[in-house]
Each structure stands twice: as structure tokens, then as C-alpha cells.
């Protein structure tokens, strides 16, 4: 690999990390300041200002009129990231969960985990989870591989609303989510979200060879 290629690869890697932070700040706070951005990257304010200036000039983030001196990621910025969405119960985290999340995260830059509601767990498993939805989300948020946790609705048909909100490029399903896969494909087709890739894990937390593309 020559120096030019190395520098280009390093630039792309850094760019995705800067955009990853901008995306997460936008999702969590709706907009962000130079101070927010600099703090998340562990950079000085001056370095943060310089980075924001570059990203703004590339139309990857934009300055807002209101509130003043706030920024948010643009659609162009999002397009430079690969957003992966997955979901489950995650009641008492074990190594199977960790491996599933690690494999899902390998497919992109951002991992969003939708956590099933207590009512949904009760309706599918016949009992309430040992840990509440709020506590399960807090535990997942402690994992470095998880970027965002989202509340799952008690109504499975509303999963599509979460998909529309986060605009994932890839949805990862567990090996035991065949019924979810069929329902999801039908829902995505109805709202013309034909560019989302659905990937299904097998029993060994590897992607099945027969990937389903919507």
C-alpha cells in the first residue's frame, strides 16, 4: 500500500468517526454545539471548530439558524455512514447476545438496538421479563458496541415507525426471527423502503448464505 492510499484510508476512517459522533449527537440531542462535538472526540475547542468547519464545507453537517451556534448531521453525512439496526429482548445479557451484537456491528458504523417492551415479552414468552425494558436498555447502553438503544413498542406492527425514524441501511435479525422477517418484508414493501438490506444470523451468529434483500 503506497503512502497516498494509506493517507486516503486514514482520512476515510477519521471522517467516518467524526460523522459517527455527529450522527449520535444529532440523534440524542437533536443538535449539538462545538463544545459537545469536541468533548465527544476528546479534542480541544479549537480542534473541534476546525473539524466542524471542514465538515460544514463538505455539506456533511449544517449550522442551524435556531438554536444559534448549533449543528446537525445532513442527509449527505448520513449517507457516508452505514447504520445497522437490530432488536431483541436482552433479558440477562449473556455471551450469545454479545456475539450477536458484535456480528451485527461488523456490518456498519452505527449499531442501533431496539429493546422489546415488557408487554411484548409477556405476550410472546408467557411471562414478564426479569428486568424491565428501562433496565435492559441501561445495561445495553453500557456496552461499547451499542451506539443507540430504542424502545420497542408493545405493538409489533409499529416496529416500522422505528425503522423510519432511524433510517437504517441494514436490519439484522436473529436465527429465531423468521416470523419477524416475513412481517418486516411486507411492511417495508408497503412503504417503498426497498433499499434496506435484511440480513439474518444463523444459529452460530454468522450471516446465512441466503441473505434476503428487500
N, C-alpha and C. Protein backbone atom coordinates (compact mmCIF):
# COMPACT_ATOMS: atom_id res chain seq x y z
N UNK A 1 0.85 -1.19 0.00
CA UNK A 1 0.00 0.00 0.00
C UNK A 1 0.89 1.25 0.00
N UNK A 2 0.72 2.15 -0.99
CA UNK A 2 1.55 3.34 -1.05
C UNK A 2 1.05 4.39 -0.06
N UNK A 3 1.86 5.45 0.10
CA UNK A 3 1.53 6.48 1.09
C UNK A 3 0.21 7.17 0.78
N UNK A 4 -0.04 7.40 -0.53
CA UNK A 4 -1.28 8.06 -0.91
C UNK A 4 -2.50 7.24 -0.52
N UNK A 5 -2.40 5.93 -0.74
CA UNK A 5 -3.50 5.04 -0.38
C UNK A 5 -3.68 4.99 1.13
N UNK A 6 -2.57 4.93 1.86
CA UNK A 6 -2.63 4.90 3.33
C UNK A 6 -3.28 6.17 3.87
N UNK A 7 -2.88 7.32 3.31
CA UNK A 7 -3.44 8.59 3.76
C UNK A 7 -4.93 8.67 3.45
N UNK A 8 -5.31 8.16 2.27
CA UNK A 8 -6.72 8.17 1.90
C UNK A 8 -7.55 7.29 2.82
N UNK A 9 -7.01 6.12 3.16
CA UNK A 9 -7.70 5.20 4.06
C UNK A 9 -7.84 5.80 5.45
N UNK A 10 -6.77 6.44 5.93
CA UNK A 10 -6.79 7.08 7.24
C UNK A 10 -7.81 8.21 7.26
N UNK A 11 -7.85 9.00 6.19
CA UNK A 11 -8.81 10.11 6.11
C UNK A 11 -10.24 9.59 6.17
N UNK A 12 -10.53 8.53 5.41
CA UNK A 12 -11.87 7.97 5.40
C UNK A 12 -12.25 7.42 6.77
N UNK A 13 -11.29 6.80 7.44
CA UNK A 13 -11.54 6.25 8.77
C UNK A 13 -11.85 7.36 9.77
N UNK A 14 -11.06 8.43 9.73
CA UNK A 14 -11.29 9.56 10.62
C UNK A 14 -12.60 10.26 10.29
N UNK A 15 -12.88 10.40 9.00
CA UNK A 15 -14.12 11.06 8.58
C UNK A 15 -15.34 10.32 9.11
N UNK A 16 -15.31 9.00 9.02
CA UNK A 16 -16.45 8.22 9.50
C UNK A 16 -16.61 8.33 11.01
N UNK A 17 -15.49 8.43 11.72
CA UNK A 17 -15.58 8.60 13.17
C UNK A 17 -16.16 9.97 13.52
N UNK A 18 -15.75 11.01 12.80
CA UNK A 18 -16.30 12.35 13.04
C UNK A 18 -17.81 12.36 12.74
N UNK A 19 -18.19 11.72 11.64
CA UNK A 19 -19.61 11.69 11.26
C UNK A 19 -20.41 10.80 12.21
N UNK A 20 -19.78 9.75 12.69
CA UNK A 20 -20.45 8.89 13.67
C UNK A 20 -20.82 9.70 14.91
N UNK A 21 -19.88 10.51 15.39
CA UNK A 21 -20.14 11.35 16.57
C UNK A 21 -21.23 12.37 16.25
N UNK A 22 -21.17 12.98 15.07
CA UNK A 22 -22.18 13.97 14.68
C UNK A 22 -23.57 13.33 14.60
N UNK A 23 -23.63 12.10 14.08
CA UNK A 23 -24.91 11.39 13.98
C UNK A 23 -25.47 11.10 15.37
N UNK A 24 -24.63 10.58 16.26
CA UNK A 24 -25.10 10.22 17.60
C UNK A 24 -25.54 11.45 18.39
N UNK A 25 -24.81 12.55 18.24
CA UNK A 25 -25.21 13.78 18.92
C UNK A 25 -26.54 14.29 18.37
N UNK A 26 -26.72 14.17 17.06
CA UNK A 26 -27.98 14.61 16.44
C UNK A 26 -29.14 13.75 16.91
N UNK A 27 -28.92 12.43 16.98
CA UNK A 27 -29.97 11.51 17.43
C UNK A 27 -30.32 11.76 18.90
N UNK A 28 -29.30 11.92 19.73
CA UNK A 28 -29.52 12.02 21.18
C UNK A 28 -29.95 13.41 21.64
N UNK A 29 -29.48 14.45 20.93
CA UNK A 29 -29.75 15.81 21.40
C UNK A 29 -30.47 16.68 20.37
N UNK A 30 -30.74 16.12 19.20
CA UNK A 30 -31.38 16.81 18.08
C UNK A 30 -30.43 17.77 17.37
N UNK A 31 -29.51 18.39 18.10
CA UNK A 31 -28.47 19.23 17.51
C UNK A 31 -27.33 19.30 18.52
N UNK A 32 -26.21 19.87 18.11
CA UNK A 32 -25.05 19.89 19.01
C UNK A 32 -24.23 21.15 18.80
N UNK A 33 -23.43 21.46 19.81
CA UNK A 33 -22.54 22.62 19.77
C UNK A 33 -21.11 22.17 19.49
N UNK A 34 -20.25 23.15 19.26
CA UNK A 34 -18.82 22.85 19.09
C UNK A 34 -18.30 22.16 20.35
N UNK A 35 -18.76 22.63 21.51
CA UNK A 35 -18.32 22.04 22.77
C UNK A 35 -18.72 20.58 22.88
N UNK A 36 -19.97 20.27 22.49
CA UNK A 36 -20.44 18.88 22.51
C UNK A 36 -19.56 18.00 21.63
N UNK A 37 -19.33 18.47 20.42
CA UNK A 37 -18.58 17.72 19.41
C UNK A 37 -17.14 17.50 19.87
N UNK A 38 -16.52 18.56 20.36
CA UNK A 38 -15.12 18.48 20.81
C UNK A 38 -14.98 17.52 21.98
N UNK A 39 -15.92 17.59 22.92
CA UNK A 39 -15.87 16.74 24.11
C UNK A 39 -15.97 15.27 23.74
N UNK A 40 -16.90 14.93 22.84
CA UNK A 40 -17.09 13.54 22.44
C UNK A 40 -15.86 12.98 21.74
N UNK A 41 -15.15 13.83 21.02
CA UNK A 41 -13.95 13.39 20.30
C UNK A 41 -12.68 13.53 21.13
N UNK A 42 -12.84 14.08 22.34
CA UNK A 42 -11.69 14.34 23.21
C UNK A 42 -10.69 15.25 22.51
N UNK A 43 -11.22 16.31 21.89
CA UNK A 43 -10.40 17.31 21.21
C UNK A 43 -10.57 18.66 21.90
N UNK A 44 -9.65 19.57 21.62
CA UNK A 44 -9.79 20.92 22.15
C UNK A 44 -10.91 21.64 21.39
N UNK A 45 -11.39 22.74 21.95
CA UNK A 45 -12.43 23.51 21.29
C UNK A 45 -11.95 24.00 19.93
N UNK A 46 -10.71 24.45 19.86
CA UNK A 46 -10.17 24.94 18.59
C UNK A 46 -10.12 23.83 17.54
N UNK A 47 -9.72 22.63 17.97
CA UNK A 47 -9.70 21.50 17.04
C UNK A 47 -11.12 21.15 16.60
N UNK A 48 -12.06 21.20 17.54
CA UNK A 48 -13.45 20.92 17.21
C UNK A 48 -14.01 21.91 16.21
N UNK A 49 -13.68 23.19 16.40
CA UNK A 49 -14.13 24.23 15.47
C UNK A 49 -13.59 23.97 14.07
N UNK A 50 -12.32 23.61 14.00
CA UNK A 50 -11.69 23.36 12.70
C UNK A 50 -12.34 22.17 12.00
N UNK A 51 -12.62 21.11 12.76
CA UNK A 51 -13.26 19.93 12.17
C UNK A 51 -14.67 20.25 11.69
N UNK A 52 -15.41 20.98 12.49
CA UNK A 52 -16.77 21.36 12.10
C UNK A 52 -16.75 22.23 10.86
N UNK A 53 -15.77 23.11 10.76
CA UNK A 53 -15.64 23.96 9.57
C UNK A 53 -15.44 23.11 8.32
N UNK A 54 -14.58 22.09 8.43
CA UNK A 54 -14.32 21.21 7.28
C UNK A 54 -15.58 20.42 6.92
N UNK A 55 -16.24 19.84 7.92
CA UNK A 55 -17.43 19.03 7.66
C UNK A 55 -18.57 19.87 7.09
N UNK A 56 -18.66 21.12 7.55
CA UNK A 56 -19.69 22.03 7.03
C UNK A 56 -19.41 22.38 5.57
N UNK A 57 -18.14 22.62 5.26
CA UNK A 57 -17.78 22.96 3.87
C UNK A 57 -18.04 21.80 2.92
N UNK A 58 -18.04 20.57 3.46
CA UNK A 58 -18.30 19.38 2.65
C UNK A 58 -19.79 19.02 2.64
N UNK A 59 -20.62 19.87 3.28
CA UNK A 59 -22.07 19.64 3.38
C UNK A 59 -22.42 18.33 4.08
N UNK A 60 -21.57 17.94 5.03
CA UNK A 60 -21.82 16.72 5.79
C UNK A 60 -22.51 17.02 7.12
N UNK A 61 -22.33 18.23 7.62
CA UNK A 61 -23.12 18.75 8.72
C UNK A 61 -23.55 20.16 8.35
N UNK A 62 -24.54 20.69 9.06
CA UNK A 62 -25.00 22.04 8.74
C UNK A 62 -25.20 22.85 10.02
N UNK A 63 -24.96 24.16 9.89
CA UNK A 63 -25.19 25.07 11.00
C UNK A 63 -26.67 25.45 11.02
N UNK A 64 -27.27 25.45 12.19
CA UNK A 64 -28.68 25.80 12.32
C UNK A 64 -28.84 27.29 12.62
N UNK A 65 -29.95 27.84 12.16
CA UNK A 65 -30.29 29.23 12.49
C UNK A 65 -30.83 29.29 13.91
N UNK A 66 -31.63 28.29 14.26
CA UNK A 66 -32.23 28.23 15.59
C UNK A 66 -32.22 26.79 16.09
N UNK A 67 -31.58 26.50 17.21
CA UNK A 67 -30.84 27.45 18.05
C UNK A 67 -29.52 27.87 17.40
N UNK A 68 -29.08 29.08 17.67
CA UNK A 68 -27.84 29.57 17.06
C UNK A 68 -26.63 28.78 17.55
N UNK A 69 -25.63 28.71 16.69
CA UNK A 69 -24.37 28.02 17.02
C UNK A 69 -24.57 26.54 17.33
N UNK A 70 -25.62 25.97 16.75
CA UNK A 70 -25.84 24.53 16.85
C UNK A 70 -25.72 23.91 15.46
N UNK A 71 -25.40 22.62 15.45
CA UNK A 71 -25.18 21.91 14.19
C UNK A 71 -25.92 20.58 14.23
N UNK A 72 -26.11 20.00 13.06
CA UNK A 72 -26.64 18.64 12.98
C UNK A 72 -26.14 18.00 11.70
N UNK A 73 -26.13 16.69 11.68
CA UNK A 73 -25.66 15.97 10.51
C UNK A 73 -26.67 16.13 9.37
N UNK A 74 -26.19 16.19 8.15
CA UNK A 74 -27.06 16.29 6.98
C UNK A 74 -27.34 14.90 6.42
N UNK A 75 -28.25 14.84 5.45
CA UNK A 75 -28.51 13.56 4.80
C UNK A 75 -27.25 13.06 4.09
N UNK A 76 -26.49 14.00 3.54
CA UNK A 76 -25.22 13.62 2.91
C UNK A 76 -24.25 13.01 3.90
N UNK A 77 -24.25 13.55 5.12
CA UNK A 77 -23.41 12.99 6.17
C UNK A 77 -23.84 11.59 6.54
N UNK A 78 -25.16 11.40 6.67
CA UNK A 78 -25.70 10.07 6.98
C UNK A 78 -25.35 9.06 5.89
N UNK A 79 -25.36 9.54 4.65
CA UNK A 79 -25.08 8.64 3.53
C UNK A 79 -23.65 8.11 3.53
N UNK A 80 -22.78 8.77 4.29
CA UNK A 80 -21.40 8.30 4.41
C UNK A 80 -21.23 7.26 5.51
N UNK A 81 -22.32 7.00 6.23
CA UNK A 81 -22.29 6.00 7.30
C UNK A 81 -23.16 4.81 6.91
N UNK A 82 -22.88 3.67 7.51
CA UNK A 82 -23.74 2.50 7.34
C UNK A 82 -24.38 2.21 8.69
N UNK A 83 -25.69 2.38 8.75
CA UNK A 83 -26.42 2.26 10.01
C UNK A 83 -27.09 0.89 10.07
N UNK A 84 -26.80 0.18 11.15
CA UNK A 84 -27.33 -1.18 11.35
C UNK A 84 -28.32 -1.15 12.51
N UNK A 85 -29.47 -1.78 12.30
CA UNK A 85 -30.49 -1.85 13.34
C UNK A 85 -30.80 -3.31 13.64
N UNK A 86 -30.86 -3.64 14.91
CA UNK A 86 -31.25 -4.98 15.32
C UNK A 86 -32.13 -4.86 16.55
N UNK A 87 -32.69 -5.96 17.00
CA UNK A 87 -33.58 -5.89 18.15
C UNK A 87 -33.69 -7.22 18.87
N UNK A 88 -34.27 -7.18 20.06
CA UNK A 88 -34.44 -8.40 20.83
C UNK A 88 -34.89 -8.08 22.24
N UNK A 89 -34.93 -9.12 23.08
CA UNK A 89 -35.36 -8.96 24.47
C UNK A 89 -34.18 -8.54 25.35
N UNK A 90 -33.08 -9.27 25.25
CA UNK A 90 -31.85 -8.98 26.01
C UNK A 90 -32.11 -8.96 27.52
N UNK A 91 -32.80 -9.99 27.99
CA UNK A 91 -33.07 -10.12 29.42
C UNK A 91 -31.99 -11.02 30.02
N UNK A 92 -31.13 -10.44 30.82
CA UNK A 92 -29.92 -11.07 31.36
C UNK A 92 -28.94 -11.31 30.19
N UNK A 93 -28.07 -10.35 29.99
CA UNK A 93 -27.11 -10.40 28.88
C UNK A 93 -26.15 -11.58 29.06
N UNK A 94 -25.98 -12.36 27.98
CA UNK A 94 -25.03 -13.48 28.00
C UNK A 94 -24.16 -13.41 26.75
N UNK A 95 -23.22 -14.34 26.63
CA UNK A 95 -22.26 -14.29 25.53
C UNK A 95 -22.92 -14.42 24.17
N UNK A 96 -24.03 -15.14 24.11
CA UNK A 96 -24.76 -15.24 22.84
C UNK A 96 -25.23 -13.87 22.37
N UNK A 97 -25.73 -13.06 23.32
CA UNK A 97 -26.13 -11.70 22.99
C UNK A 97 -24.94 -10.88 22.51
N UNK A 98 -23.83 -10.99 23.24
CA UNK A 98 -22.63 -10.21 22.89
C UNK A 98 -22.16 -10.55 21.49
N UNK A 99 -22.10 -11.84 21.18
CA UNK A 99 -21.63 -12.26 19.85
C UNK A 99 -22.59 -11.79 18.76
N UNK A 100 -23.89 -11.84 19.05
CA UNK A 100 -24.88 -11.35 18.08
C UNK A 100 -24.68 -9.87 17.80
N UNK A 101 -24.50 -9.09 18.86
CA UNK A 101 -24.32 -7.65 18.70
C UNK A 101 -23.00 -7.33 17.99
N UNK A 102 -21.95 -8.08 18.32
CA UNK A 102 -20.65 -7.85 17.67
C UNK A 102 -20.75 -8.13 16.17
N UNK A 103 -21.42 -9.22 15.82
CA UNK A 103 -21.56 -9.56 14.41
C UNK A 103 -22.39 -8.51 13.68
N UNK A 104 -23.45 -8.05 14.33
CA UNK A 104 -24.29 -7.01 13.73
C UNK A 104 -23.49 -5.73 13.52
N UNK A 105 -22.69 -5.34 14.51
CA UNK A 105 -21.92 -4.10 14.44
C UNK A 105 -20.87 -4.16 13.32
N UNK A 106 -20.36 -5.36 13.05
CA UNK A 106 -19.35 -5.50 12.00
C UNK A 106 -19.90 -5.12 10.63
N UNK A 107 -21.23 -5.08 10.52
CA UNK A 107 -21.84 -4.75 9.23
C UNK A 107 -21.99 -3.26 8.98
N UNK A 108 -21.54 -2.41 9.91
CA UNK A 108 -21.71 -0.98 9.70
C UNK A 108 -20.93 -0.14 10.68
N UNK A 109 -21.26 1.16 10.72
CA UNK A 109 -20.57 2.11 11.60
C UNK A 109 -21.37 2.42 12.86
N UNK A 110 -22.69 2.30 12.77
CA UNK A 110 -23.59 2.64 13.89
C UNK A 110 -24.46 1.43 14.17
N UNK A 111 -24.58 1.04 15.44
CA UNK A 111 -25.46 -0.06 15.82
C UNK A 111 -26.58 0.46 16.72
N UNK A 112 -27.80 0.33 16.23
CA UNK A 112 -28.99 0.71 16.99
C UNK A 112 -29.70 -0.56 17.43
N UNK A 113 -30.00 -0.66 18.72
CA UNK A 113 -30.63 -1.86 19.26
C UNK A 113 -32.02 -1.50 19.78
N UNK A 114 -33.03 -2.13 19.21
CA UNK A 114 -34.41 -1.94 19.66
C UNK A 114 -34.70 -2.99 20.73
N UNK A 115 -35.11 -2.53 21.90
CA UNK A 115 -35.32 -3.42 23.05
C UNK A 115 -36.82 -3.67 23.22
N UNK A 116 -37.19 -4.94 23.22
CA UNK A 116 -38.60 -5.33 23.30
C UNK A 116 -39.26 -4.81 24.57
N UNK A 117 -40.51 -4.39 24.45
CA UNK A 117 -41.26 -3.90 25.61
C UNK A 117 -41.61 -5.07 26.53
N UNK A 118 -41.92 -4.74 27.77
CA UNK A 118 -42.31 -5.78 28.74
C UNK A 118 -43.57 -6.51 28.28
N UNK A 119 -44.53 -5.75 27.73
CA UNK A 119 -45.78 -6.38 27.27
C UNK A 119 -45.53 -7.32 26.10
N UNK A 120 -44.63 -6.92 25.21
CA UNK A 120 -44.30 -7.77 24.07
C UNK A 120 -43.67 -9.09 24.55
N UNK A 121 -42.77 -8.99 25.51
CA UNK A 121 -42.13 -10.19 26.06
C UNK A 121 -43.18 -11.10 26.70
N UNK A 122 -44.08 -10.50 27.45
CA UNK A 122 -45.12 -11.29 28.12
C UNK A 122 -46.02 -12.00 27.11
N UNK A 123 -46.35 -11.30 26.01
CA UNK A 123 -47.25 -11.90 25.02
C UNK A 123 -46.58 -13.01 24.23
N UNK A 124 -45.26 -12.93 24.04
CA UNK A 124 -44.56 -13.95 23.24
C UNK A 124 -44.00 -15.09 24.09
N UNK A 125 -43.59 -14.78 25.32
CA UNK A 125 -42.97 -15.80 26.18
C UNK A 125 -43.88 -16.30 27.29
N UNK A 126 -45.02 -15.62 27.48
CA UNK A 126 -45.95 -16.05 28.51
C UNK A 126 -45.57 -15.61 29.90
N UNK A 127 -44.60 -14.72 30.01
CA UNK A 127 -44.18 -14.20 31.31
C UNK A 127 -43.50 -12.86 31.11
N UNK A 128 -43.48 -12.08 32.16
CA UNK A 128 -42.77 -10.81 32.10
C UNK A 128 -41.26 -11.05 32.16
N UNK A 129 -40.46 -10.17 31.59
CA UNK A 129 -39.00 -10.33 31.69
C UNK A 129 -38.55 -10.12 33.13
N UNK A 130 -37.40 -10.66 33.47
CA UNK A 130 -36.85 -10.47 34.81
C UNK A 130 -36.45 -9.01 35.03
N UNK A 131 -35.98 -8.39 33.96
CA UNK A 131 -35.58 -6.98 34.01
C UNK A 131 -36.53 -6.14 33.17
N UNK A 132 -36.88 -4.98 33.67
CA UNK A 132 -37.78 -4.10 32.93
C UNK A 132 -37.12 -3.61 31.64
N UNK A 133 -37.92 -3.10 30.72
CA UNK A 133 -37.38 -2.57 29.48
C UNK A 133 -36.37 -1.46 29.76
N UNK A 134 -36.69 -0.59 30.71
CA UNK A 134 -35.78 0.52 31.03
C UNK A 134 -34.44 0.00 31.53
N UNK A 135 -34.46 -1.01 32.38
CA UNK A 135 -33.20 -1.56 32.90
C UNK A 135 -32.42 -2.31 31.83
N UNK A 136 -33.14 -3.01 30.97
CA UNK A 136 -32.45 -3.73 29.88
C UNK A 136 -31.76 -2.74 28.94
N UNK A 137 -32.41 -1.61 28.71
CA UNK A 137 -31.81 -0.58 27.86
C UNK A 137 -30.56 0.01 28.52
N UNK A 138 -30.64 0.25 29.83
CA UNK A 138 -29.49 0.82 30.55
C UNK A 138 -28.29 -0.12 30.49
N UNK A 139 -28.55 -1.41 30.64
CA UNK A 139 -27.46 -2.40 30.59
C UNK A 139 -26.81 -2.41 29.20
N UNK A 140 -27.63 -2.40 28.16
CA UNK A 140 -27.10 -2.40 26.80
C UNK A 140 -26.29 -1.14 26.51
N UNK A 141 -26.72 -0.02 27.08
CA UNK A 141 -26.01 1.24 26.85
C UNK A 141 -24.61 1.23 27.44
N UNK A 142 -24.34 0.30 28.35
CA UNK A 142 -23.01 0.18 28.93
C UNK A 142 -22.04 -0.56 28.01
N UNK A 143 -22.57 -1.21 26.98
CA UNK A 143 -21.73 -1.96 26.05
C UNK A 143 -21.18 -1.01 24.98
N UNK A 144 -19.89 -1.03 24.78
CA UNK A 144 -19.28 -0.11 23.81
C UNK A 144 -19.70 -0.41 22.38
N UNK A 145 -20.13 -1.63 22.09
CA UNK A 145 -20.53 -1.95 20.72
C UNK A 145 -21.91 -1.40 20.37
N UNK A 146 -22.68 -1.01 21.39
CA UNK A 146 -24.03 -0.47 21.16
C UNK A 146 -23.95 1.06 21.14
N UNK A 147 -24.43 1.65 20.05
CA UNK A 147 -24.39 3.11 19.93
C UNK A 147 -25.68 3.77 20.41
N UNK A 148 -26.82 3.15 20.10
CA UNK A 148 -28.12 3.73 20.44
C UNK A 148 -29.05 2.60 20.87
N UNK A 149 -29.82 2.83 21.93
CA UNK A 149 -30.90 1.90 22.27
C UNK A 149 -32.23 2.61 22.01
N UNK A 150 -33.21 1.85 21.55
CA UNK A 150 -34.52 2.41 21.24
C UNK A 150 -35.60 1.55 21.89
N UNK A 151 -36.66 2.19 22.35
CA UNK A 151 -37.76 1.47 22.97
C UNK A 151 -38.58 0.74 21.92
N UNK A 152 -38.75 -0.57 22.12
CA UNK A 152 -39.64 -1.33 21.26
C UNK A 152 -41.08 -1.10 21.70
N UNK A 153 -41.99 -1.07 20.75
CA UNK A 153 -43.41 -0.85 21.05
C UNK A 153 -44.08 -2.16 21.43
N UNK A 154 -45.12 -2.11 22.28
CA UNK A 154 -45.90 -3.32 22.57
C UNK A 154 -46.61 -3.85 21.33
N UNK A 155 -46.80 -2.98 20.34
CA UNK A 155 -47.47 -3.35 19.10
C UNK A 155 -46.42 -3.66 18.03
N UNK A 156 -46.27 -4.94 17.64
CA UNK A 156 -45.22 -5.30 16.67
C UNK A 156 -45.34 -4.59 15.33
N UNK A 157 -46.56 -4.19 14.97
CA UNK A 157 -46.74 -3.51 13.69
C UNK A 157 -46.10 -2.13 13.68
N UNK A 158 -45.80 -1.60 14.88
CA UNK A 158 -45.20 -0.26 14.96
C UNK A 158 -43.68 -0.29 14.87
N UNK A 159 -43.12 -1.47 14.69
CA UNK A 159 -41.67 -1.56 14.50
C UNK A 159 -41.23 -0.74 13.30
N UNK A 160 -42.12 -0.65 12.32
CA UNK A 160 -41.82 0.10 11.11
C UNK A 160 -41.56 1.58 11.43
N UNK A 161 -42.26 2.11 12.43
CA UNK A 161 -42.06 3.51 12.81
C UNK A 161 -40.63 3.74 13.29
N UNK A 162 -40.08 2.75 13.99
CA UNK A 162 -38.70 2.85 14.45
C UNK A 162 -37.74 2.81 13.27
N UNK A 163 -38.05 1.97 12.29
CA UNK A 163 -37.22 1.87 11.09
C UNK A 163 -37.21 3.21 10.35
N UNK A 164 -38.38 3.82 10.21
CA UNK A 164 -38.48 5.11 9.51
C UNK A 164 -37.72 6.19 10.28
N UNK A 165 -37.79 6.15 11.61
CA UNK A 165 -37.13 7.17 12.44
C UNK A 165 -35.61 7.12 12.29
N UNK A 166 -35.04 5.91 12.29
CA UNK A 166 -33.58 5.79 12.30
C UNK A 166 -32.96 5.56 10.92
N UNK A 167 -33.79 5.24 9.94
CA UNK A 167 -33.32 5.08 8.55
C UNK A 167 -32.10 4.16 8.43
N UNK A 168 -32.20 2.93 8.90
CA UNK A 168 -31.03 2.03 8.80
C UNK A 168 -30.78 1.59 7.37
N UNK A 169 -29.53 1.26 7.11
CA UNK A 169 -29.17 0.67 5.82
C UNK A 169 -29.34 -0.84 5.86
N UNK A 170 -29.16 -1.40 7.07
CA UNK A 170 -29.22 -2.85 7.26
C UNK A 170 -30.05 -3.15 8.51
N UNK A 171 -30.90 -4.17 8.42
CA UNK A 171 -31.60 -4.68 9.60
C UNK A 171 -31.13 -6.12 9.81
N UNK A 172 -30.61 -6.39 11.01
CA UNK A 172 -30.10 -7.72 11.33
C UNK A 172 -31.10 -8.44 12.21
N UNK A 173 -31.49 -9.65 11.80
CA UNK A 173 -32.43 -10.48 12.55
C UNK A 173 -31.72 -11.71 13.09
N UNK A 174 -32.18 -12.18 14.24
CA UNK A 174 -31.64 -13.40 14.82
C UNK A 174 -32.15 -14.63 14.09
N UNK A 175 -31.50 -15.76 14.34
CA UNK A 175 -31.87 -17.00 13.65
C UNK A 175 -33.30 -17.43 13.95
N UNK A 176 -33.84 -16.98 15.10
CA UNK A 176 -35.18 -17.41 15.51
C UNK A 176 -36.25 -16.38 15.19
N UNK A 177 -35.95 -15.44 14.28
CA UNK A 177 -36.90 -14.37 13.98
C UNK A 177 -37.48 -14.49 12.58
N UNK A 178 -37.82 -15.70 12.18
CA UNK A 178 -38.37 -15.93 10.84
C UNK A 178 -39.70 -15.22 10.64
N UNK A 179 -40.57 -15.26 11.66
CA UNK A 179 -41.87 -14.60 11.53
C UNK A 179 -41.69 -13.09 11.43
N UNK A 180 -40.71 -12.56 12.17
CA UNK A 180 -40.42 -11.13 12.10
C UNK A 180 -39.93 -10.76 10.71
N UNK A 181 -39.12 -11.62 10.12
CA UNK A 181 -38.58 -11.37 8.78
C UNK A 181 -39.71 -11.22 7.76
N UNK A 182 -40.66 -12.14 7.78
CA UNK A 182 -41.76 -12.10 6.81
C UNK A 182 -42.60 -10.85 7.00
N UNK A 183 -42.93 -10.53 8.26
CA UNK A 183 -43.74 -9.35 8.55
C UNK A 183 -43.00 -8.08 8.13
N UNK A 184 -41.70 -8.04 8.40
CA UNK A 184 -40.90 -6.85 8.09
C UNK A 184 -40.82 -6.62 6.58
N UNK A 185 -40.61 -7.68 5.83
CA UNK A 185 -40.54 -7.55 4.37
C UNK A 185 -41.84 -6.98 3.83
N UNK A 186 -42.97 -7.48 4.33
CA UNK A 186 -44.28 -6.98 3.89
C UNK A 186 -44.44 -5.50 4.22
N UNK A 187 -44.04 -5.12 5.44
CA UNK A 187 -44.19 -3.73 5.87
C UNK A 187 -43.31 -2.79 5.05
N UNK A 188 -42.07 -3.19 4.80
CA UNK A 188 -41.15 -2.34 4.04
C UNK A 188 -41.62 -2.16 2.60
N UNK A 189 -42.18 -3.21 2.04
CA UNK A 189 -42.67 -3.11 0.66
C UNK A 189 -43.84 -2.14 0.56
N UNK A 190 -44.68 -2.11 1.59
CA UNK A 190 -45.86 -1.24 1.57
C UNK A 190 -45.49 0.24 1.58
N UNK A 191 -44.37 0.58 2.23
CA UNK A 191 -43.98 1.99 2.32
C UNK A 191 -42.80 2.30 1.39
N UNK A 192 -42.50 1.38 0.49
CA UNK A 192 -41.50 1.60 -0.55
C UNK A 192 -40.09 1.84 0.01
N UNK A 193 -39.75 1.15 1.10
CA UNK A 193 -38.38 1.20 1.62
C UNK A 193 -37.61 0.01 1.05
N UNK A 194 -37.39 0.07 -0.25
CA UNK A 194 -36.84 -1.09 -0.95
C UNK A 194 -35.32 -1.18 -0.91
N UNK A 195 -34.67 -0.16 -0.34
CA UNK A 195 -33.21 -0.18 -0.35
C UNK A 195 -32.61 -0.65 0.97
N UNK A 196 -33.45 -1.08 1.91
CA UNK A 196 -32.94 -1.59 3.18
C UNK A 196 -32.61 -3.08 3.03
N UNK A 197 -31.42 -3.44 3.47
CA UNK A 197 -30.98 -4.83 3.39
C UNK A 197 -31.35 -5.56 4.69
N UNK A 198 -31.96 -6.72 4.56
CA UNK A 198 -32.25 -7.54 5.73
C UNK A 198 -31.26 -8.70 5.75
N UNK A 199 -30.54 -8.82 6.85
CA UNK A 199 -29.57 -9.90 6.99
C UNK A 199 -29.95 -10.74 8.20
N UNK A 200 -29.92 -12.04 8.03
CA UNK A 200 -30.34 -12.94 9.09
C UNK A 200 -29.17 -13.78 9.58
N UNK A 201 -29.03 -13.84 10.90
CA UNK A 201 -27.97 -14.64 11.50
C UNK A 201 -28.43 -16.09 11.62
N UNK A 202 -27.47 -17.01 11.52
CA UNK A 202 -27.82 -18.40 11.77
C UNK A 202 -27.54 -18.73 13.24
N UNK A 203 -27.67 -19.98 13.59
CA UNK A 203 -27.54 -20.41 14.99
C UNK A 203 -26.16 -20.10 15.57
N UNK A 204 -25.16 -19.95 14.69
CA UNK A 204 -23.79 -19.73 15.15
C UNK A 204 -23.38 -18.26 15.04
N UNK A 205 -24.40 -17.37 14.97
CA UNK A 205 -24.16 -15.93 14.88
C UNK A 205 -23.32 -15.55 13.67
N UNK A 206 -23.51 -16.30 12.59
CA UNK A 206 -22.92 -15.96 11.31
C UNK A 206 -24.06 -15.61 10.36
N UNK A 207 -23.79 -14.75 9.39
CA UNK A 207 -24.83 -14.43 8.45
C UNK A 207 -25.10 -15.61 7.54
N UNK A 208 -26.38 -15.93 7.37
CA UNK A 208 -26.76 -17.02 6.48
C UNK A 208 -26.33 -16.70 5.06
N UNK A 209 -26.07 -17.73 4.28
CA UNK A 209 -25.68 -17.52 2.90
C UNK A 209 -26.84 -16.94 2.09
N UNK A 210 -28.06 -17.35 2.44
CA UNK A 210 -29.22 -16.86 1.70
C UNK A 210 -29.72 -15.56 2.31
N UNK A 211 -28.97 -14.48 2.07
CA UNK A 211 -29.35 -13.17 2.59
C UNK A 211 -30.62 -12.71 1.86
N UNK A 212 -31.47 -12.04 2.58
CA UNK A 212 -32.70 -11.53 1.99
C UNK A 212 -32.54 -10.05 1.72
N UNK A 213 -32.78 -9.65 0.50
CA UNK A 213 -32.74 -8.23 0.17
C UNK A 213 -34.15 -7.79 -0.16
N UNK A 214 -34.56 -6.69 0.46
CA UNK A 214 -35.90 -6.17 0.20
C UNK A 214 -35.91 -5.47 -1.15
